[in-house]
Amino acid sequence: MRLSRRGLLRAGLAGTAATALGGLASGCAVPTGSTGRNMVLWYWDGGLGDTVVKRAKARYGNTVDLQAIKIGGYYRSKLITTMAGRAHVPDIAGLKGEDMASYLPNADQFVDLRTLGADKYKSQYLPWKWEQGIADDGSMIGFPIDCGPVAHLYQYEVFRKAGLPYEPADVSKELDTWEKFFAAGERLRKHIPGASLLTDVNSVFDNAVNQGSKRYVDKDRHFIGDQEHVRHAWALAVEAKRRGLVSNLVTGTPDQLSAVEDGKLPSQLGASWATYDLKNGVPKTKGKWRVADMPVRPANNGGSFLSITKACREPERAFEIIAWTLDAANQAQGYVDAGLFPSTPASYGLKQLREPDPFFGGQITTDVFGPAAQKIAIAYNSPYDIALGQPIKDEIKNVGVLGKDPQKAWKDAMSKCRRIAQHLGVSY
């Protein structure tokens, strides 16, 4: 049974405590569904590689007019609103990875890609990434685009000056636990006055949680954000603060970027796409960076999907376009165009991903990010994770930035989670 407009909006918004639905962009007024020659694809700037989109339009131009439209602003809100209104719905829609869990309860609004032959492609994609596109009822609504394996990005010369391991292999080997990582931060601060290992405590907390196979709500709709996996991540973040390993700066601000440029923030735990943030944010540090494994095991941060909506009148053709657009060769091109790290392991050996990166001292960064992507744990992502994870993230930030007492912060986080869980119908 199809959800009502009210039901779709309520279910779709379960992933956030509150979301303001924005109005549709003027560019959204496009024909609904395929009309023989017309097929509409919605995505966001950087969601797909421009070269691949152009190739797809040319490849299928004899049979379909593929209108690829970049939707600005609050993409998720606009897509949910449009689907709920059942007008101007795109045939193919991008689904951002961080929003994926909120779409899964509305799987009946999308075509089950298994009915179009998706299973025959399964072996070509990262298993954990493939699973993220599958709803609880077994239907597949998301076909993998990219992923965001997390690694340790650091400045070579600063680490060497601080007496730390500085070659990527040595950093990976010698800083392979959180304790060794933190101890390195203490040595860094001792030898480089004013330097901090990380910008904030949230990078420790978020990545520690994302290393595991559990988040904040389980499949049975029970809150698990008070369990050991979250408590452990919290304790690590508190420890990073206690030992003076994090700065008081905010990521992306001029002061933070200046500190990075000056070698005072020479280290971060960043996803593959963070390499492009560094190149754009602190271009003067070209050649100073290297990439190593993050402590313990890799985490993932980011990565999206393509779906086919029920408005599509030619789902077979739409799936043909998706499968070709997201094959290994095209995902490699997407990495070149937009920094989209492939969810297809076969891409990692292709030329586009084997180029030495001058920004990282000529290192082939795929040698770190590729293996990391293949070691990420499969985790259940609940549509309620965002809403029930946010209070905990807010409070650990209060510990890091405002110096709030960790015990009081934890108690306040749990109190907020209890109220939100009750509102959302999640067992606490």
Protein backbone atom coordinates (compact mmCIF):
# COMPACT_ATOMS: atom_id res chain seq x y z
CA MET A 1 0.00 0.00 0.00
CA ARG A 2 1.33 3.43 -0.90
CA LEU A 3 1.84 5.87 1.91
CA SER A 4 -0.29 8.97 2.15
CA ARG A 5 1.40 12.32 1.71
CA ARG A 6 1.31 12.80 5.48
CA GLY A 7 2.68 9.33 6.08
CA LEU A 8 5.52 9.77 3.65
CA LEU A 9 6.59 13.06 5.18
CA ARG A 10 6.39 11.73 8.73
CA ALA A 11 8.34 8.58 7.93
CA GLY A 12 10.83 10.42 5.78
CA LEU A 13 11.54 12.92 8.51
CA ALA A 14 12.07 10.33 11.24
CA GLY A 15 15.82 10.64 10.76
CA THR A 16 15.89 14.16 12.16
CA ALA A 17 14.40 15.74 15.24
CA ALA A 18 12.96 18.46 13.01
CA THR A 19 13.46 19.44 9.37
CA ALA A 20 12.08 22.46 7.57
CA LEU A 21 10.91 21.46 4.14
CA GLY A 22 12.10 23.95 1.57
CA GLY A 23 10.14 24.99 -1.48
CA LEU A 24 10.96 23.47 -4.83
CA ALA A 25 13.61 25.11 -6.94
CA SER A 26 12.42 26.72 -10.12
CA GLY A 27 14.40 24.13 -12.06
CA CYS A 28 12.27 21.35 -10.57
CA ALA A 29 9.25 22.05 -12.78
CA VAL A 30 9.96 19.20 -15.17
CA PRO A 31 7.67 16.58 -16.71
CA THR A 32 6.63 13.74 -14.42
CA GLY A 33 8.05 10.36 -15.36
CA SER A 34 9.23 9.14 -18.73
CA THR A 35 7.26 10.11 -21.81
CA GLY A 36 8.90 7.85 -24.36
CA ARG A 37 11.80 10.16 -25.06
CA ASN A 38 12.08 12.01 -21.77
CA MET A 39 13.73 10.74 -18.59
CA VAL A 40 14.60 12.96 -15.62
CA LEU A 41 17.52 12.43 -13.26
CA TRP A 42 17.83 14.45 -10.05
CA TYR A 43 21.15 14.80 -8.23
CA TRP A 44 23.16 17.49 -6.47
CA ASP A 45 26.33 19.31 -7.41
CA GLY A 46 29.18 16.83 -7.01
CA GLY A 47 26.81 13.89 -6.64
CA LEU A 48 27.94 12.42 -9.96
CA GLY A 49 30.92 13.13 -12.17
CA ASP A 50 30.14 15.61 -14.95
CA THR A 51 32.04 13.56 -17.54
CA VAL A 52 30.05 10.42 -16.75
CA VAL A 53 26.73 12.29 -16.94
CA LYS A 54 27.67 13.66 -20.36
CA ARG A 55 28.70 10.19 -21.53
CA ALA A 56 25.42 8.69 -20.33
CA LYS A 57 23.38 11.33 -22.17
CA ALA A 58 25.34 10.66 -25.34
CA ARG A 59 25.27 6.87 -25.00
CA TYR A 60 21.50 6.66 -24.57
CA GLY A 61 20.59 9.70 -26.65
CA ASN A 62 19.17 7.65 -29.50
CA THR A 63 16.46 6.16 -27.30
CA VAL A 64 15.94 8.61 -24.45
CA ASP A 65 16.42 12.28 -23.69
CA LEU A 66 18.15 12.08 -20.32
CA GLN A 67 17.60 15.35 -18.48
CA ALA A 68 20.14 15.44 -15.67
CA ILE A 69 19.18 18.23 -13.25
CA LYS A 70 21.30 19.42 -10.35
CA ILE A 71 19.02 20.34 -7.46
CA GLY A 72 20.39 23.00 -5.14
CA GLY A 73 19.58 23.73 -1.52
CA TYR A 74 18.03 21.13 0.76
CA TYR A 75 18.02 18.24 -1.67
CA ARG A 76 16.44 15.64 0.60
CA SER A 77 13.59 17.93 1.66
CA LYS A 78 12.81 18.81 -1.94
CA LEU A 79 12.80 15.18 -3.04
CA ILE A 80 10.56 14.06 -0.16
CA THR A 81 8.17 16.95 -0.72
CA THR A 82 7.98 16.25 -4.44
CA MET A 83 7.37 12.54 -3.98
CA ALA A 84 4.72 13.21 -1.34
CA GLY A 85 2.96 15.60 -3.72
CA ARG A 86 3.22 13.03 -6.55
CA ALA A 87 3.97 15.71 -9.12
CA HIS A 88 7.17 16.51 -10.99
CA VAL A 89 8.77 13.36 -9.54
CA PRO A 90 12.08 12.42 -11.23
CA ASP A 91 12.52 9.02 -12.84
CA ILE A 92 15.98 8.52 -11.34
CA ALA A 93 16.85 10.14 -8.03
CA GLY A 94 20.11 10.41 -6.16
CA LEU A 95 19.90 9.52 -2.47
CA LYS A 96 22.57 10.89 -0.17
CA GLY A 97 24.18 8.29 2.06
CA GLU A 98 23.54 10.17 5.29
CA ASP A 99 19.83 10.29 4.40
CA MET A 100 19.52 6.73 3.14
CA ALA A 101 18.01 5.25 6.29
CA SER A 102 15.16 7.77 6.21
CA TYR A 103 14.14 6.64 2.71
CA LEU A 104 14.09 2.92 3.50
CA PRO A 105 10.74 2.92 5.39
CA ASN A 106 9.25 4.33 2.17
CA ALA A 107 10.60 1.58 -0.04
CA ASP A 108 7.24 1.25 -1.80
CA GLN A 109 7.81 4.69 -3.33
CA PHE A 110 10.78 3.26 -5.26
CA VAL A 111 11.25 0.43 -7.71
CA ASP A 112 12.79 -2.68 -6.16
CA LEU A 113 15.99 -2.88 -8.19
CA ARG A 114 16.18 -6.64 -7.67
CA THR A 115 13.18 -7.00 -9.98
CA LEU A 116 15.29 -5.37 -12.68
CA GLY A 117 18.25 -7.72 -12.28
CA ALA A 118 20.35 -5.87 -9.71
CA ASP A 119 21.48 -9.04 -7.96
CA LYS A 120 23.70 -10.03 -10.87
CA TYR A 121 25.83 -6.95 -10.16
CA LYS A 122 26.12 -7.51 -6.41
CA SER A 123 29.56 -9.16 -6.48
CA GLN A 124 31.05 -6.09 -8.17
CA TYR A 125 30.30 -3.79 -5.22
CA LEU A 126 31.46 -3.46 -1.62
CA PRO A 127 29.20 -5.79 0.44
CA TRP A 128 28.58 -3.29 3.25
CA LYS A 129 27.74 -0.56 0.75
CA TRP A 130 25.34 -2.80 -1.15
CA GLU A 131 23.52 -3.65 2.09
CA GLN A 132 22.93 0.02 2.88
CA GLY A 133 20.60 0.28 -0.11
CA ILE A 134 18.31 -2.56 1.04
CA ALA A 135 15.16 -1.99 3.11
CA ASP A 136 14.00 -4.18 6.01
CA ASP A 137 11.55 -5.95 3.69
CA GLY A 138 14.43 -7.02 1.44
CA SER A 139 13.68 -4.65 -1.42
CA MET A 140 16.62 -2.77 -2.89
CA ILE A 141 16.05 0.91 -3.52
CA GLY A 142 19.59 2.27 -3.74
CA PHE A 143 22.30 1.34 -6.25
CA PRO A 144 25.77 2.30 -4.87
CA ILE A 145 27.58 5.36 -6.17
CA ASP A 146 30.52 6.15 -3.91
CA CYS A 147 31.77 5.61 -0.37
CA GLY A 148 33.85 7.55 2.15
CA PRO A 149 36.54 5.37 3.75
CA VAL A 150 38.28 7.22 6.59
CA ALA A 151 42.06 7.37 6.96
CA HIS A 152 44.65 9.33 8.93
CA LEU A 153 45.79 12.41 7.01
CA TYR A 154 48.94 14.01 8.42
CA GLN A 155 51.74 16.43 7.59
CA TYR A 156 54.96 14.53 6.91
CA GLU A 157 57.53 17.13 8.01
CA VAL A 158 55.66 18.09 11.17
CA PHE A 159 55.49 14.48 12.29
CA ARG A 160 59.17 14.02 11.53
CA LYS A 161 60.09 17.17 13.47
CA ALA A 162 58.05 15.92 16.43
CA GLY A 163 59.97 12.66 16.49
CA LEU A 164 56.97 10.64 15.36
CA PRO A 165 56.83 7.99 12.66
CA TYR A 166 56.37 9.85 9.40
CA GLU A 167 56.41 7.37 6.52
CA PRO A 168 52.83 6.16 5.76
CA ALA A 169 53.60 2.50 6.40
CA ASP A 170 55.26 3.33 9.72
CA VAL A 171 52.44 5.62 10.84
CA SER A 172 49.91 2.89 9.98
CA LYS A 173 51.88 0.28 11.90
CA GLU A 174 52.94 2.28 14.96
CA LEU A 175 49.73 4.28 15.54
CA ASP A 176 47.35 1.35 15.12
CA THR A 177 45.47 1.73 18.41
CA TRP A 178 43.69 4.70 19.95
CA GLU A 179 46.17 4.71 22.85
CA LYS A 180 49.16 4.85 20.50
CA PHE A 181 47.42 7.52 18.47
CA PHE A 182 46.77 9.62 21.58
CA ALA A 183 50.34 9.11 22.83
CA ALA A 184 51.57 10.41 19.49
CA GLY A 185 49.40 13.47 20.04
CA GLU A 186 51.07 14.11 23.38
CA ARG A 187 54.52 13.86 21.80
CA LEU A 188 53.40 16.19 19.03
CA ARG A 189 52.27 18.84 21.53
CA LYS A 190 55.50 18.47 23.50
CA HIS A 191 57.80 18.99 20.49
CA ILE A 192 55.64 21.43 18.51
CA PRO A 193 54.31 24.02 20.97
CA GLY A 194 50.73 25.01 20.24
CA ALA A 195 50.08 22.01 18.01
CA SER A 196 47.05 19.74 18.40
CA LEU A 197 46.54 16.27 16.98
CA LEU A 198 42.92 16.89 15.99
CA THR A 199 40.58 19.84 15.58
CA ASP A 200 37.78 18.57 17.85
CA VAL A 201 36.53 15.67 19.97
CA ASN A 202 33.71 14.83 17.58
CA SER A 203 36.17 13.41 15.05
CA VAL A 204 37.15 10.86 17.68
CA PHE A 205 33.60 10.11 18.78
CA ASP A 206 32.03 9.85 15.31
CA ASN A 207 34.80 7.71 13.85
CA ALA A 208 34.94 5.42 16.86
CA VAL A 209 31.20 4.76 16.56
CA ASN A 210 31.46 4.30 12.79
CA GLN A 211 34.21 1.71 13.17
CA GLY A 212 31.70 -0.75 14.56
CA SER A 213 28.58 -2.57 13.40
CA LYS A 214 26.11 -0.75 15.70
CA ARG A 215 24.78 2.78 15.77
CA TYR A 216 21.95 4.23 17.91
CA VAL A 217 18.81 2.19 17.11
CA ASP A 218 18.60 -1.50 16.25
CA LYS A 219 16.35 -3.35 13.80
CA ASP A 220 13.77 -3.93 16.52
CA ARG A 221 13.43 -0.17 17.05
CA HIS A 222 15.22 -0.21 20.38
CA PHE A 223 17.51 2.63 21.45
CA ILE A 224 21.07 1.30 21.84
CA GLY A 225 22.89 4.62 22.14
CA ASP A 226 23.48 3.92 25.83
CA GLN A 227 25.33 0.67 25.18
CA GLU A 228 29.03 -0.13 25.35
CA HIS A 229 29.91 0.74 21.73
CA VAL A 230 28.71 4.33 22.21
CA ARG A 231 30.03 4.60 25.77
CA HIS A 232 33.46 3.50 24.51
CA ALA A 233 33.46 6.12 21.76
CA TRP A 234 32.37 8.74 24.31
CA ALA A 235 35.16 7.73 26.68
CA LEU A 236 37.74 8.00 23.89
CA ALA A 237 36.54 11.49 22.99
CA VAL A 238 36.63 12.57 26.65
CA GLU A 239 40.14 11.14 26.95
CA ALA A 240 41.28 13.11 23.90
CA LYS A 241 40.02 16.28 25.57
CA ARG A 242 41.52 15.44 28.97
CA ARG A 243 44.95 14.84 27.45
CA GLY A 244 44.89 18.11 25.52
CA LEU A 245 44.93 16.51 22.08
CA VAL A 246 42.21 18.62 20.47
CA SER A 247 42.04 22.31 19.61
CA ASN A 248 39.37 24.83 20.49
CA LEU A 249 38.85 25.69 16.82
CA VAL A 250 35.89 25.01 14.56
CA THR A 251 36.46 23.07 11.35
CA GLY A 252 36.37 25.20 8.22
CA THR A 253 36.80 28.56 9.93
CA PRO A 254 39.63 30.91 8.90
CA ASP A 255 41.41 30.33 12.23
CA GLN A 256 41.26 26.57 11.80
CA LEU A 257 42.50 26.68 8.22
CA SER A 258 45.31 29.01 9.29
CA ALA A 259 46.33 26.55 11.99
CA VAL A 260 46.37 23.73 9.45
CA GLU A 261 48.48 25.81 7.09
CA ASP A 262 50.95 26.68 9.87
CA GLY A 263 51.37 23.06 10.92
CA LYS A 264 49.55 23.55 14.23
CA LEU A 265 46.81 21.14 13.14
CA PRO A 266 48.91 18.66 11.15
CA SER A 267 46.63 15.65 11.52
CA GLN A 268 43.03 14.64 10.96
CA LEU A 269 40.86 11.57 10.58
CA GLY A 270 39.23 12.25 7.24
CA ALA A 271 37.25 10.43 4.59
CA SER A 272 38.58 10.13 1.06
CA TRP A 273 36.67 13.26 0.05
CA ALA A 274 38.51 15.23 2.77
CA THR A 275 41.59 15.17 0.53
CA TYR A 276 39.74 17.55 -1.78
CA ASP A 277 38.77 19.77 1.15
CA LEU A 278 42.45 20.13 2.00
CA LYS A 279 43.38 20.92 -1.58
CA ASN A 280 40.72 23.62 -1.77
CA GLY A 281 41.03 24.94 1.78
CA VAL A 282 44.80 25.01 2.28
CA PRO A 283 46.38 24.83 -1.21
CA LYS A 284 49.70 26.18 0.12
CA THR A 285 50.24 22.89 1.98
CA LYS A 286 50.62 20.98 -1.29
CA GLY A 287 53.19 18.23 -0.96
CA LYS A 288 53.21 18.27 2.84
CA TRP A 289 50.53 15.64 3.43
CA ARG A 290 50.50 11.85 3.54
CA VAL A 291 47.79 9.25 4.17
CA ALA A 292 47.96 6.33 6.61
CA ASP A 293 45.52 3.92 8.20
CA MET A 294 43.33 5.23 11.01
CA PRO A 295 43.69 3.54 14.42
CA VAL A 296 42.14 0.10 15.01
CA ARG A 297 40.11 -0.25 11.79
CA PRO A 298 38.60 2.00 9.12
CA ALA A 299 35.31 3.83 9.41
CA ASN A 300 33.11 5.22 6.65
CA ASN A 301 31.81 8.75 6.28
CA GLY A 302 29.65 9.49 3.27
CA GLY A 303 28.71 7.90 -0.02
CA SER A 304 25.47 7.95 -1.98
CA PHE A 305 23.08 5.98 -4.22
CA LEU A 306 20.88 6.17 -7.31
CA SER A 307 17.26 5.02 -7.16
CA ILE A 308 14.34 4.64 -9.54
CA THR A 309 11.06 6.14 -8.38
CA LYS A 310 7.63 4.62 -8.98
CA ALA A 311 6.92 7.59 -11.27
CA CYS A 312 9.30 6.15 -13.85
CA ARG A 313 7.45 4.65 -16.81
CA GLU A 314 10.50 2.91 -18.23
CA PRO A 315 12.25 1.38 -15.21
CA GLU A 316 14.13 -1.19 -17.30
CA ARG A 317 15.77 1.54 -19.35
CA ALA A 318 16.40 3.61 -16.24
CA PHE A 319 18.15 0.69 -14.59
CA GLU A 320 20.24 0.11 -17.71
CA ILE A 321 21.41 3.72 -17.46
CA ILE A 322 22.15 3.41 -13.73
CA ALA A 323 24.08 0.14 -14.04
CA TRP A 324 26.24 1.55 -16.82
CA THR A 325 26.76 4.93 -15.14
CA LEU A 326 27.94 3.26 -11.93
CA ASP A 327 30.18 0.53 -13.36
CA ALA A 328 33.85 0.33 -12.35
CA ALA A 329 35.19 2.41 -15.24
CA ASN A 330 32.70 5.21 -14.76
CA GLN A 331 33.14 5.24 -11.00
CA ALA A 332 36.85 5.71 -11.58
CA GLN A 333 36.03 8.71 -13.77
CA GLY A 334 33.71 10.01 -11.06
CA TYR A 335 36.67 9.97 -8.71
CA VAL A 336 38.68 12.12 -11.11
CA ASP A 337 35.79 14.54 -11.70
CA ALA A 338 34.30 14.90 -8.24
CA GLY A 339 36.38 12.95 -5.72
CA LEU A 340 33.74 10.22 -5.47
CA PHE A 341 35.63 7.23 -4.07
CA PRO A 342 34.35 4.15 -5.93
CA SER A 343 32.18 1.49 -4.33
CA THR A 344 33.48 -0.90 -7.01
CA PRO A 345 36.79 -2.52 -5.91
CA ALA A 346 37.70 -3.19 -9.55
CA SER A 347 38.12 0.59 -9.91
CA TYR A 348 41.03 0.66 -7.48
CA GLY A 349 43.42 -0.86 -9.99
CA LEU A 350 42.46 1.43 -12.86
CA LYS A 351 44.73 4.19 -14.08
CA GLN A 352 42.61 7.04 -12.73
CA LEU A 353 43.13 5.77 -9.18
CA ARG A 354 46.76 4.81 -9.62
CA GLU A 355 48.09 8.30 -10.28
CA PRO A 356 50.61 9.66 -7.74
CA ASP A 357 49.08 12.66 -5.96
CA PRO A 358 51.46 15.66 -5.77
CA PHE A 359 49.45 17.16 -2.91
CA PHE A 360 50.31 14.05 -0.89
CA GLY A 361 53.97 14.00 -1.83
CA GLY A 362 53.44 11.71 -4.80
CA GLN A 363 51.72 9.05 -2.72
CA ILE A 364 49.15 6.83 -4.41
CA THR A 365 46.43 7.41 -1.83
CA THR A 366 44.27 4.59 -3.18
CA ASP A 367 46.76 2.20 -1.59
CA VAL A 368 45.31 3.31 1.76
CA PHE A 369 41.72 4.23 0.94
CA GLY A 370 41.11 1.14 -1.24
CA PRO A 371 41.93 -1.49 1.40
CA ALA A 372 40.13 0.63 4.01
CA ALA A 373 36.94 0.62 1.94
CA GLN A 374 37.03 -3.17 1.82
CA LYS A 375 37.40 -3.57 5.61
CA ILE A 376 34.43 -1.49 6.76
CA ALA A 377 31.96 -3.32 8.97
CA ILE A 378 28.37 -3.86 7.84
CA ALA A 379 26.13 -1.83 10.14
CA TYR A 380 22.38 -1.46 10.41
CA ASN A 381 21.37 2.14 9.75
CA SER A 382 18.05 3.02 11.33
CA PRO A 383 15.87 5.90 10.10
CA TYR A 384 15.99 7.08 13.74
CA ASP A 385 19.78 7.13 14.06
CA ILE A 386 20.20 10.78 13.17
CA ALA A 387 17.59 12.00 15.63
CA LEU A 388 18.88 9.87 18.49
CA GLY A 389 22.56 10.30 17.74
CA GLN A 390 22.47 14.08 17.54
CA PRO A 391 21.94 14.81 21.27
CA ILE A 392 24.97 12.67 22.09
CA LYS A 393 27.10 14.42 19.46
CA ASP A 394 25.93 17.81 20.72
CA GLU A 395 26.86 16.99 24.29
CA ILE A 396 30.30 15.57 23.50
CA LYS A 397 30.90 18.78 21.57
CA ASN A 398 29.94 20.71 24.70
CA VAL A 399 32.59 18.72 26.55
CA GLY A 400 35.19 19.52 23.93
CA VAL A 401 34.41 23.17 23.23
CA LEU A 402 32.79 24.45 26.42
CA GLY A 403 34.54 22.20 28.92
CA LYS A 404 31.27 20.77 30.24
CA ASP A 405 31.59 18.05 32.84
CA PRO A 406 31.53 14.72 30.91
CA GLN A 407 29.24 12.98 33.42
CA LYS A 408 26.75 15.83 33.35
CA ALA A 409 26.95 15.94 29.54
CA TRP A 410 26.27 12.20 29.26
CA LYS A 411 23.32 12.43 31.63
CA ASP A 412 21.87 15.35 29.67
CA ALA A 413 22.38 13.49 26.37
CA MET A 414 20.52 10.44 27.67
CA SER A 415 17.69 12.60 28.97
CA LYS A 416 17.26 14.22 25.56
CA CYS A 417 17.43 10.85 23.83
CA ARG A 418 14.75 9.49 26.13
CA ARG A 419 12.36 12.30 25.21
CA ILE A 420 13.06 11.99 21.48
CA ALA A 421 12.71 8.20 21.56
CA GLN A 422 9.33 8.50 23.24
CA HIS A 423 8.21 11.02 20.60
CA LEU A 424 9.33 8.76 17.75
CA GLY A 425 7.98 5.54 19.22
CA VAL A 426 11.43 4.03 19.80
CA SER A 427 11.82 1.75 22.83
CA TYR A 428 14.25 3.13 25.36
